[in-house]
């Protein structure tokens, strides 16, 4: 997400206050990760979903506002939304 908002194509279309909000949310999540390295996998997933819930509406609003100006839509390195077709990590005993 941090790379997405630093991309020149996206950064130029994202309002400064929305960009600042996303950066603050990312920094808070990273700080939480640093403080909770021994947390359970469910806690990490919950934190990721929380961050996605904060960031995805802002990014979606930006894409809706730009319409066809985005030259092909989202980049391949943009993270999948929660519940997407991304990889699943299963716990192994």
PDB file of N, CA and C in Angstrom:
ATOM      1  N   UNK A   1       0.837  -1.186   0.000  1.00  0.00           N
ATOM      2  CA  UNK A   1       0.000   0.000   0.000  1.00  0.00           C
ATOM      3  C   UNK A   1       0.879   1.246   0.000  1.00  0.00           C
ATOM      4  N   UNK A   2       1.964   1.187   0.767  1.00  0.00           N
ATOM      5  CA  UNK A   2       2.861   2.349   0.817  1.00  0.00           C
ATOM      6  C   UNK A   2       3.435   2.621  -0.583  1.00  0.00           C
ATOM      7  N   UNK A   3       3.822   1.570  -1.283  1.00  0.00           N
ATOM      8  CA  UNK A   3       4.350   1.743  -2.638  1.00  0.00           C
ATOM      9  C   UNK A   3       3.281   2.289  -3.575  1.00  0.00           C
ATOM     10  N   UNK A   4       2.054   1.874  -3.381  1.00  0.00           N
ATOM     11  CA  UNK A   4       0.952   2.339  -4.227  1.00  0.00           C
ATOM     12  C   UNK A   4       0.772   3.841  -4.106  1.00  0.00           C
ATOM     13  N   UNK A   5       0.767   4.361  -2.886  1.00  0.00           N
ATOM     14  CA  UNK A   5       0.536   5.799  -2.728  1.00  0.00           C
ATOM     15  C   UNK A   5       1.764   6.631  -3.075  1.00  0.00           C
ATOM     16  N   UNK A   6       2.927   6.001  -3.194  1.00  0.00           N
ATOM     17  CA  UNK A   6       4.127   6.730  -3.600  1.00  0.00           C
ATOM     18  C   UNK A   6       4.316   6.716  -5.114  1.00  0.00           C
ATOM     19  N   UNK A   7       3.536   5.899  -5.819  1.00  0.00           N
ATOM     20  CA  UNK A   7       3.570   5.868  -7.278  1.00  0.00           C
ATOM     21  C   UNK A   7       3.114   7.238  -7.795  1.00  0.00           C
ATOM     22  N   UNK A   8       3.882   7.820  -8.705  1.00  0.00           N
ATOM     23  CA  UNK A   8       3.587   9.165  -9.195  1.00  0.00           C
ATOM     24  C   UNK A   8       2.194   9.281  -9.817  1.00  0.00           C
ATOM     25  N   UNK A   9       1.772   8.249 -10.558  1.00  0.00           N
ATOM     26  CA  UNK A   9       0.452   8.288 -11.201  1.00  0.00           C
ATOM     27  C   UNK A   9      -0.658   8.371 -10.159  1.00  0.00           C
ATOM     28  N   UNK A  10      -0.486   7.648  -9.077  1.00  0.00           N
ATOM     29  CA  UNK A  10      -1.525   7.610  -8.042  1.00  0.00           C
ATOM     30  C   UNK A  10      -1.393   8.804  -7.112  1.00  0.00           C
ATOM     31  N   UNK A  11      -0.183   9.121  -6.691  1.00  0.00           N
ATOM     32  CA  UNK A  11       0.040  10.220  -5.750  1.00  0.00           C
ATOM     33  C   UNK A  11      -0.499  11.541  -6.287  1.00  0.00           C
ATOM     34  N   UNK A  12      -0.401  11.740  -7.595  1.00  0.00           N
ATOM     35  CA  UNK A  12      -0.874  12.993  -8.174  1.00  0.00           C
ATOM     36  C   UNK A  12      -2.400  13.097  -8.156  1.00  0.00           C
ATOM     37  N   UNK A  13      -3.091  11.980  -8.073  1.00  0.00           N
ATOM     38  CA  UNK A  13      -4.553  11.983  -8.089  1.00  0.00           C
ATOM     39  C   UNK A  13      -5.163  11.832  -6.697  1.00  0.00           C
ATOM     40  N   UNK A  14      -4.332  11.575  -5.706  1.00  0.00           N
ATOM     41  CA  UNK A  14      -4.798  11.354  -4.344  1.00  0.00           C
ATOM     42  C   UNK A  14      -4.732  12.664  -3.560  1.00  0.00           C
ATOM     43  N   UNK A  15      -5.843  13.085  -2.951  1.00  0.00           N
ATOM     44  CA  UNK A  15      -5.805  14.318  -2.146  1.00  0.00           C
ATOM     45  C   UNK A  15      -4.773  14.202  -1.025  1.00  0.00           C
ATOM     46  N   UNK A  16      -4.137  15.309  -0.706  1.00  0.00           N
ATOM     47  CA  UNK A  16      -3.051  15.319   0.288  1.00  0.00           C
ATOM     48  C   UNK A  16      -3.512  14.793   1.645  1.00  0.00           C
ATOM     49  N   UNK A  17      -4.722  15.161   2.070  1.00  0.00           N
ATOM     50  CA  UNK A  17      -5.181  14.694   3.378  1.00  0.00           C
ATOM     51  C   UNK A  17      -5.471  13.196   3.373  1.00  0.00           C
ATOM     52  N   UNK A  18      -5.955  12.645   2.260  1.00  0.00           N
ATOM     53  CA  UNK A  18      -6.159  11.194   2.170  1.00  0.00           C
ATOM     54  C   UNK A  18      -4.815  10.468   2.170  1.00  0.00           C
ATOM     55  N   UNK A  19      -3.847  11.014   1.445  1.00  0.00           N
ATOM     56  CA  UNK A  19      -2.520  10.408   1.395  1.00  0.00           C
ATOM     57  C   UNK A  19      -1.893  10.411   2.787  1.00  0.00           C
ATOM     58  N   UNK A  20      -2.030  11.515   3.495  1.00  0.00           N
ATOM     59  CA  UNK A  20      -1.498  11.616   4.859  1.00  0.00           C
ATOM     60  C   UNK A  20      -2.176  10.608   5.781  1.00  0.00           C
ATOM     61  N   UNK A  21      -3.497  10.443   5.645  1.00  0.00           N
ATOM     62  CA  UNK A  21      -4.247   9.490   6.470  1.00  0.00           C
ATOM     63  C   UNK A  21      -3.747   8.071   6.224  1.00  0.00           C
ATOM     64  N   UNK A  22      -3.560   7.697   4.967  1.00  0.00           N
ATOM     65  CA  UNK A  22      -3.071   6.357   4.641  1.00  0.00           C
ATOM     66  C   UNK A  22      -1.669   6.148   5.207  1.00  0.00           C
ATOM     67  N   UNK A  23      -0.808   7.139   5.047  1.00  0.00           N
ATOM     68  CA  UNK A  23       0.556   7.020   5.572  1.00  0.00           C
ATOM     69  C   UNK A  23       0.556   6.855   7.093  1.00  0.00           C
ATOM     70  N   UNK A  24      -0.306   7.602   7.780  1.00  0.00           N
ATOM     71  CA  UNK A  24      -0.403   7.476   9.237  1.00  0.00           C
ATOM     72  C   UNK A  24      -0.904   6.090   9.634  1.00  0.00           C
ATOM     73  N   UNK A  25      -1.898   5.579   8.908  1.00  0.00           N
ATOM     74  CA  UNK A  25      -2.437   4.247   9.189  1.00  0.00           C
ATOM     75  C   UNK A  25      -1.375   3.170   8.958  1.00  0.00           C
ATOM     76  N   UNK A  26      -0.605   3.309   7.896  1.00  0.00           N
ATOM     77  CA  UNK A  26       0.460   2.344   7.599  1.00  0.00           C
ATOM     78  C   UNK A  26       1.528   2.399   8.689  1.00  0.00           C
ATOM     79  N   UNK A  27       1.921   3.602   9.088  1.00  0.00           N
ATOM     80  CA  UNK A  27       2.927   3.744  10.140  1.00  0.00           C
ATOM     81  C   UNK A  27       2.445   3.130  11.451  1.00  0.00           C
ATOM     82  N   UNK A  28       1.164   3.331  11.772  1.00  0.00           N
ATOM     83  CA  UNK A  28       0.607   2.746  12.995  1.00  0.00           C
ATOM     84  C   UNK A  28       0.614   1.219  12.915  1.00  0.00           C
ATOM     85  N   UNK A  29       0.287   0.668  11.749  1.00  0.00           N
ATOM     86  CA  UNK A  29       0.287  -0.788  11.579  1.00  0.00           C
ATOM     87  C   UNK A  29       1.699  -1.351  11.694  1.00  0.00           C
ATOM     88  N   UNK A  30       2.668  -0.657  11.117  1.00  0.00           N
ATOM     89  CA  UNK A  30       4.059  -1.110  11.207  1.00  0.00           C
ATOM     90  C   UNK A  30       4.540  -1.052  12.651  1.00  0.00           C
ATOM     91  N   UNK A  31       4.178   0.002  13.357  1.00  0.00           N
ATOM     92  CA  UNK A  31       4.551   0.103  14.766  1.00  0.00           C
ATOM     93  C   UNK A  31       3.917  -1.035  15.567  1.00  0.00           C
ATOM     94  N   UNK A  32       2.653  -1.360  15.268  1.00  0.00           N
ATOM     95  CA  UNK A  32       1.995  -2.474  15.945  1.00  0.00           C
ATOM     96  C   UNK A  32       2.730  -3.783  15.652  1.00  0.00           C
ATOM     97  N   UNK A  33       3.116  -3.983  14.401  1.00  0.00           N
ATOM     98  CA  UNK A  33       3.851  -5.190  14.026  1.00  0.00           C
ATOM     99  C   UNK A  33       5.168  -5.293  14.793  1.00  0.00           C
ATOM    100  N   UNK A  34       5.870  -4.165  14.905  1.00  0.00           N
ATOM    101  CA  UNK A  34       7.139  -4.159  15.628  1.00  0.00           C
ATOM    102  C   UNK A  34       6.942  -4.513  17.105  1.00  0.00           C
ATOM    103  N   UNK A  35       5.855  -4.066  17.683  1.00  0.00           N
ATOM    104  CA  UNK A  35       5.599  -4.303  19.109  1.00  0.00           C
ATOM    105  C   UNK A  35       4.970  -5.676  19.379  1.00  0.00           C
ATOM    106  N   UNK A  36       4.434  -6.335  18.353  1.00  0.00           N
ATOM    107  CA  UNK A  36       3.690  -7.583  18.539  1.00  0.00           C
ATOM    108  C   UNK A  36       4.206  -8.690  17.627  1.00  0.00           C
ATOM    109  N   UNK A  37       5.515  -8.860  17.582  1.00  0.00           N
ATOM    110  CA  UNK A  37       6.097  -9.847  16.683  1.00  0.00           C
ATOM    111  C   UNK A  37       5.729 -11.279  17.069  1.00  0.00           C
ATOM    112  N   UNK A  38       5.321 -11.499  18.293  1.00  0.00           N
ATOM    113  CA  UNK A  38       4.954 -12.841  18.733  1.00  0.00           C
ATOM    114  C   UNK A  38       3.445 -13.066  18.726  1.00  0.00           C
ATOM    115  N   UNK A  39       2.719 -12.183  18.080  1.00  0.00           N
ATOM    116  CA  UNK A  39       1.259 -12.312  18.016  1.00  0.00           C
ATOM    117  C   UNK A  39       0.873 -13.532  17.181  1.00  0.00           C
ATOM    118  N   UNK A  40      -0.333 -14.001  17.401  1.00  0.00           N
ATOM    119  CA  UNK A  40      -0.874 -15.131  16.646  1.00  0.00           C
ATOM    120  C   UNK A  40      -1.214 -14.691  15.219  1.00  0.00           C
ATOM    121  N   UNK A  41      -1.277 -15.656  14.321  1.00  0.00           N
ATOM    122  CA  UNK A  41      -1.581 -15.371  12.916  1.00  0.00           C
ATOM    123  C   UNK A  41      -2.925 -14.657  12.767  1.00  0.00           C
ATOM    124  N   UNK A  42      -3.905 -15.036  13.579  1.00  0.00           N
ATOM    125  CA  UNK A  42      -5.220 -14.384  13.514  1.00  0.00           C
ATOM    126  C   UNK A  42      -5.121 -12.895  13.830  1.00  0.00           C
ATOM    127  N   UNK A  43      -4.255 -12.551  14.775  1.00  0.00           N
ATOM    128  CA  UNK A  43      -4.085 -11.145  15.134  1.00  0.00           C
ATOM    129  C   UNK A  43      -3.462 -10.360  13.979  1.00  0.00           C
ATOM    130  N   UNK A  44      -2.489 -10.975  13.287  1.00  0.00           N
ATOM    131  CA  UNK A  44      -1.891 -10.323  12.122  1.00  0.00           C
ATOM    132  C   UNK A  44      -2.930 -10.128  11.026  1.00  0.00           C
ATOM    133  N   UNK A  45      -3.743 -11.145  10.792  1.00  0.00           N
ATOM    134  CA  UNK A  45      -4.786 -11.045   9.767  1.00  0.00           C
ATOM    135  C   UNK A  45      -5.806  -9.970  10.122  1.00  0.00           C
ATOM    136  N   UNK A  46      -6.177  -9.905  11.397  1.00  0.00           N
ATOM    137  CA  UNK A  46      -7.121  -8.879  11.829  1.00  0.00           C
ATOM    138  C   UNK A  46      -6.549  -7.481  11.618  1.00  0.00           C
ATOM    139  N   UNK A  47      -5.279  -7.311  11.924  1.00  0.00           N
ATOM    140  CA  UNK A  47      -4.632  -6.007  11.746  1.00  0.00           C
ATOM    141  C   UNK A  47      -4.568  -5.643  10.263  1.00  0.00           C
ATOM    142  N   UNK A  48      -4.265  -6.631   9.410  1.00  0.00           N
ATOM    143  CA  UNK A  48      -4.216  -6.383   7.973  1.00  0.00           C
ATOM    144  C   UNK A  48      -5.606  -5.992   7.451  1.00  0.00           C
ATOM    145  N   UNK A  49      -6.642  -6.698   7.894  1.00  0.00           N
ATOM    146  CA  UNK A  49      -8.001  -6.373   7.457  1.00  0.00           C
ATOM    147  C   UNK A  49      -8.407  -4.981   7.931  1.00  0.00           C
ATOM    148  N   UNK A  50      -7.979  -4.623   9.139  1.00  0.00           N
ATOM    149  CA  UNK A  50      -8.271  -3.298   9.673  1.00  0.00           C
ATOM    150  C   UNK A  50      -7.621  -2.214   8.805  1.00  0.00           C
ATOM    151  N   UNK A  51      -6.371  -2.435   8.426  1.00  0.00           N
ATOM    152  CA  UNK A  51      -5.670  -1.478   7.574  1.00  0.00           C
ATOM    153  C   UNK A  51      -6.319  -1.404   6.192  1.00  0.00           C
ATOM    154  N   UNK A  52      -6.694  -2.553   5.641  1.00  0.00           N
ATOM    155  CA  UNK A  52      -7.367  -2.562   4.342  1.00  0.00           C
ATOM    156  C   UNK A  52      -8.697  -1.828   4.409  1.00  0.00           C
ATOM    157  N   UNK A  53      -9.428  -2.009   5.515  1.00  0.00           N
ATOM    158  CA  UNK A  53     -10.720  -1.338   5.668  1.00  0.00           C
ATOM    159  C   UNK A  53     -10.558   0.180   5.706  1.00  0.00           C
ATOM    160  N   UNK A  54      -9.428   0.649   6.195  1.00  0.00           N
ATOM    161  CA  UNK A  54      -9.178   2.088   6.238  1.00  0.00           C
ATOM    162  C   UNK A  54      -8.698   2.623   4.883  1.00  0.00           C
ATOM    163  N   UNK A  55      -7.858   1.852   4.209  1.00  0.00           N
ATOM    164  CA  UNK A  55      -7.216   2.338   2.983  1.00  0.00           C
ATOM    165  C   UNK A  55      -8.029   2.083   1.713  1.00  0.00           C
ATOM    166  N   UNK A  56      -8.643   0.925   1.606  1.00  0.00           N
ATOM    167  CA  UNK A  56      -9.327   0.566   0.361  1.00  0.00           C
ATOM    168  C   UNK A  56     -10.416   1.548  -0.059  1.00  0.00           C
ATOM    169  N   UNK A  57     -11.244   2.058   0.870  1.00  0.00           N
ATOM    170  CA  UNK A  57     -12.259   3.026   0.420  1.00  0.00           C
ATOM    171  C   UNK A  57     -11.647   4.305  -0.154  1.00  0.00           C
ATOM    172  N   UNK A  58     -10.526   4.738   0.403  1.00  0.00           N
ATOM    173  CA  UNK A  58      -9.866   5.945  -0.103  1.00  0.00           C
ATOM    174  C   UNK A  58      -9.339   5.697  -1.507  1.00  0.00           C
ATOM    175  N   UNK A  59      -8.679   4.564  -1.709  1.00  0.00           N
ATOM    176  CA  UNK A  59      -8.133   4.227  -3.021  1.00  0.00           C
ATOM    177  C   UNK A  59      -9.271   4.019  -4.028  1.00  0.00           C
ATOM    178  N   UNK A  60     -10.338   3.330  -3.612  1.00  0.00           N
ATOM    179  CA  UNK A  60     -11.478   3.100  -4.500  1.00  0.00           C
ATOM    180  C   UNK A  60     -12.115   4.424  -4.915  1.00  0.00           C
ATOM    181  N   UNK A  61     -12.254   5.344  -3.966  1.00  0.00           N
ATOM    182  CA  UNK A  61     -12.827   6.652  -4.271  1.00  0.00           C
ATOM    183  C   UNK A  61     -11.960   7.397  -5.284  1.00  0.00           C
ATOM    184  N   UNK A  62     -10.649   7.266  -5.139  1.00  0.00           N
ATOM    185  CA  UNK A  62      -9.732   7.913  -6.066  1.00  0.00           C
ATOM    186  C   UNK A  62      -9.897   7.338  -7.475  1.00  0.00           C
ATOM    187  N   UNK A  63      -9.976   5.995  -7.576  1.00  0.00           N
ATOM    188  CA  UNK A  63     -10.136   5.363  -8.884  1.00  0.00           C
ATOM    189  C   UNK A  63     -11.484   5.715  -9.509  1.00  0.00           C
ATOM    190  N   UNK A  64     -12.533   5.811  -8.708  1.00  0.00           N
ATOM    191  CA  UNK A  64     -13.839   6.179  -9.244  1.00  0.00           C
ATOM    192  C   UNK A  64     -13.822   7.612  -9.760  1.00  0.00           C
ATOM    193  N   UNK A  65     -13.101   8.468  -9.061  1.00  0.00           N
ATOM    194  CA  UNK A  65     -13.016   9.867  -9.459  1.00  0.00           C
ATOM    195  C   UNK A  65     -12.201  10.073 -10.713  1.00  0.00           C
ATOM    196  N   UNK A  66     -11.240   9.182 -10.991  1.00  0.00           N
ATOM    197  CA  UNK A  66     -10.381   9.353 -12.156  1.00  0.00           C
ATOM    198  C   UNK A  66     -10.950   8.688 -13.386  1.00  0.00           C
ATOM    199  N   UNK A  67     -11.767   7.660 -13.206  1.00  0.00           N
ATOM    200  CA  UNK A  67     -12.381   6.978 -14.339  1.00  0.00           C
ATOM    201  C   UNK A  67     -11.363   6.418 -15.302  1.00  0.00           C
ATOM    202  N   UNK A  68     -11.446   6.822 -16.561  1.00  0.00           N
ATOM    203  CA  UNK A  68     -10.577   6.267 -17.610  1.00  0.00           C
ATOM    204  C   UNK A  68      -9.186   6.880 -17.606  1.00  0.00           C
ATOM    205  N   UNK A  69      -8.930   7.835 -16.746  1.00  0.00           N
ATOM    206  CA  UNK A  69      -7.628   8.488 -16.721  1.00  0.00           C
ATOM    207  C   UNK A  69      -6.521   7.591 -16.179  1.00  0.00           C
ATOM    208  N   UNK A  70      -6.829   6.444 -15.604  1.00  0.00           N
ATOM    209  CA  UNK A  70      -5.831   5.629 -14.920  1.00  0.00           C
ATOM    210  C   UNK A  70      -5.066   4.685 -15.845  1.00  0.00           C
ATOM    211  N   UNK A  71      -5.220   4.773 -17.134  1.00  0.00           N
ATOM    212  CA  UNK A  71      -4.453   3.970 -18.092  1.00  0.00           C
ATOM    213  C   UNK A  71      -4.376   2.497 -17.713  1.00  0.00           C
ATOM    214  N   UNK A  72      -5.473   1.820 -17.705  1.00  0.00           N
ATOM    215  CA  UNK A  72      -5.452   0.383 -17.451  1.00  0.00           C
ATOM    216  C   UNK A  72      -5.795  -0.012 -16.034  1.00  0.00           C
ATOM    217  N   UNK A  73      -6.126   0.907 -15.185  1.00  0.00           N
ATOM    218  CA  UNK A  73      -6.541   0.536 -13.832  1.00  0.00           C
ATOM    219  C   UNK A  73      -5.383   0.333 -12.885  1.00  0.00           C
ATOM    220  N   UNK A  74      -5.590  -0.589 -11.935  1.00  0.00           N
ATOM    221  CA  UNK A  74      -4.621  -0.803 -10.870  1.00  0.00           C
ATOM    222  C   UNK A  74      -3.398  -1.554 -11.382  1.00  0.00           C
ATOM    223  N   UNK A  75      -2.265  -1.310 -10.754  1.00  0.00           N
ATOM    224  CA  UNK A  75      -1.030  -1.998 -11.093  1.00  0.00           C
ATOM    225  C   UNK A  75      -1.071  -3.433 -10.606  1.00  0.00           C
ATOM    226  N   UNK A  76      -0.197  -4.280 -11.187  1.00  0.00           N
ATOM    227  CA  UNK A  76      -0.124  -5.676 -10.773  1.00  0.00           C
ATOM    228  C   UNK A  76       0.370  -5.836  -9.352  1.00  0.00           C
ATOM    229  N   UNK A  77       1.148  -4.873  -8.838  1.00  0.00           N
ATOM    230  CA  UNK A  77       1.683  -5.001  -7.488  1.00  0.00           C
ATOM    231  C   UNK A  77       0.746  -4.455  -6.420  1.00  0.00           C
ATOM    232  N   UNK A  78      -0.448  -4.022  -6.814  1.00  0.00           N
ATOM    233  CA  UNK A  78      -1.418  -3.554  -5.844  1.00  0.00           C
ATOM    234  C   UNK A  78      -1.977  -4.745  -5.084  1.00  0.00           C
ATOM    235  N   UNK A  79      -2.010  -4.684  -3.742  1.00  0.00           N
ATOM    236  CA  UNK A  79      -2.479  -5.826  -2.965  1.00  0.00           C
ATOM    237  C   UNK A  79      -3.941  -6.150  -3.246  1.00  0.00           C
ATOM    238  N   UNK A  80      -4.250  -7.431  -3.210  1.00  0.00           N
ATOM    239  CA  UNK A  80      -5.629  -7.867  -3.414  1.00  0.00           C
ATOM    240  C   UNK A  80      -6.470  -7.458  -2.213  1.00  0.00           C
ATOM    241  N   UNK A  81      -7.730  -7.199  -2.450  1.00  0.00           N
ATOM    242  CA  UNK A  81      -8.632  -6.864  -1.352  1.00  0.00           C
ATOM    243  C   UNK A  81      -8.843  -8.079  -0.467  1.00  0.00           C
ATOM    244  N   UNK A  82      -9.255  -7.823   0.737  1.00  0.00           N
ATOM    245  CA  UNK A  82      -9.491  -8.910   1.694  1.00  0.00           C
ATOM    246  C   UNK A  82     -10.471  -9.916   1.112  1.00  0.00           C
ATOM    247  N   UNK A  83     -10.170 -11.198   1.256  1.00  0.00           N
ATOM    248  CA  UNK A  83     -11.030 -12.243   0.726  1.00  0.00           C
ATOM    249  C   UNK A  83     -10.779 -12.502  -0.746  1.00  0.00           C
ATOM    250  N   UNK A  84      -9.735 -11.896  -1.303  1.00  0.00           N
ATOM    251  CA  UNK A  84      -9.427 -12.064  -2.716  1.00  0.00           C
ATOM    252  C   UNK A  84      -8.782 -13.406  -3.001  1.00  0.00           C
ATOM    253  N   UNK A  85      -8.226 -13.517  -4.179  1.00  0.00           N
ATOM    254  CA  UNK A  85      -7.638 -14.772  -4.616  1.00  0.00           C
ATOM    255  C   UNK A  85      -6.175 -14.900  -4.200  1.00  0.00           C
ATOM    256  N   UNK A  86      -5.750 -14.139  -3.218  1.00  0.00           N
ATOM    257  CA  UNK A  86      -4.368 -14.195  -2.766  1.00  0.00           C
ATOM    258  C   UNK A  86      -4.043 -15.507  -2.085  1.00  0.00           C
ATOM    259  N   UNK A  87      -2.770 -15.714  -1.799  1.00  0.00           N
ATOM    260  CA  UNK A  87      -2.353 -16.980  -1.177  1.00  0.00           C
ATOM    261  C   UNK A  87      -2.900 -17.135   0.225  1.00  0.00           C
ATOM    262  N   UNK A  88      -3.122 -18.352   0.617  1.00  0.00           N
ATOM    263  CA  UNK A  88      -3.606 -18.685   1.950  1.00  0.00           C
ATOM    264  C   UNK A  88      -2.458 -19.359   2.699  1.00  0.00           C
ATOM    265  N   UNK A  89      -2.288 -19.002   3.956  1.00  0.00           N
ATOM    266  CA  UNK A  89      -1.272 -19.618   4.787  1.00  0.00           C
ATOM    267  C   UNK A  89      -1.983 -20.502   5.795  1.00  0.00           C
ATOM    268  N   UNK A  90      -1.625 -21.779   5.769  1.00  0.00           N
ATOM    269  CA  UNK A  90      -2.246 -22.696   6.704  1.00  0.00           C
ATOM    270  C   UNK A  90      -1.240 -23.054   7.777  1.00  0.00           C
ATOM    271  N   UNK A  91      -1.748 -23.188   8.989  1.00  0.00           N
ATOM    272  CA  UNK A  91      -0.893 -23.550  10.105  1.00  0.00           C
ATOM    273  C   UNK A  91      -0.593 -25.041  10.046  1.00  0.00           C
ATOM    274  N   UNK A  92       0.667 -25.408  10.237  1.00  0.00           N
ATOM    275  CA  UNK A  92       1.092 -26.794  10.182  1.00  0.00           C
ATOM    276  C   UNK A  92       1.601 -27.181  11.553  1.00  0.00           C
ATOM    277  N   UNK A  93       1.145 -28.308  12.046  1.00  0.00           N
ATOM    278  CA  UNK A  93       1.607 -28.777  13.356  1.00  0.00           C
ATOM    279  C   UNK A  93       2.867 -29.593  13.231  1.00  0.00           C
TER     280      UNK A  93
END
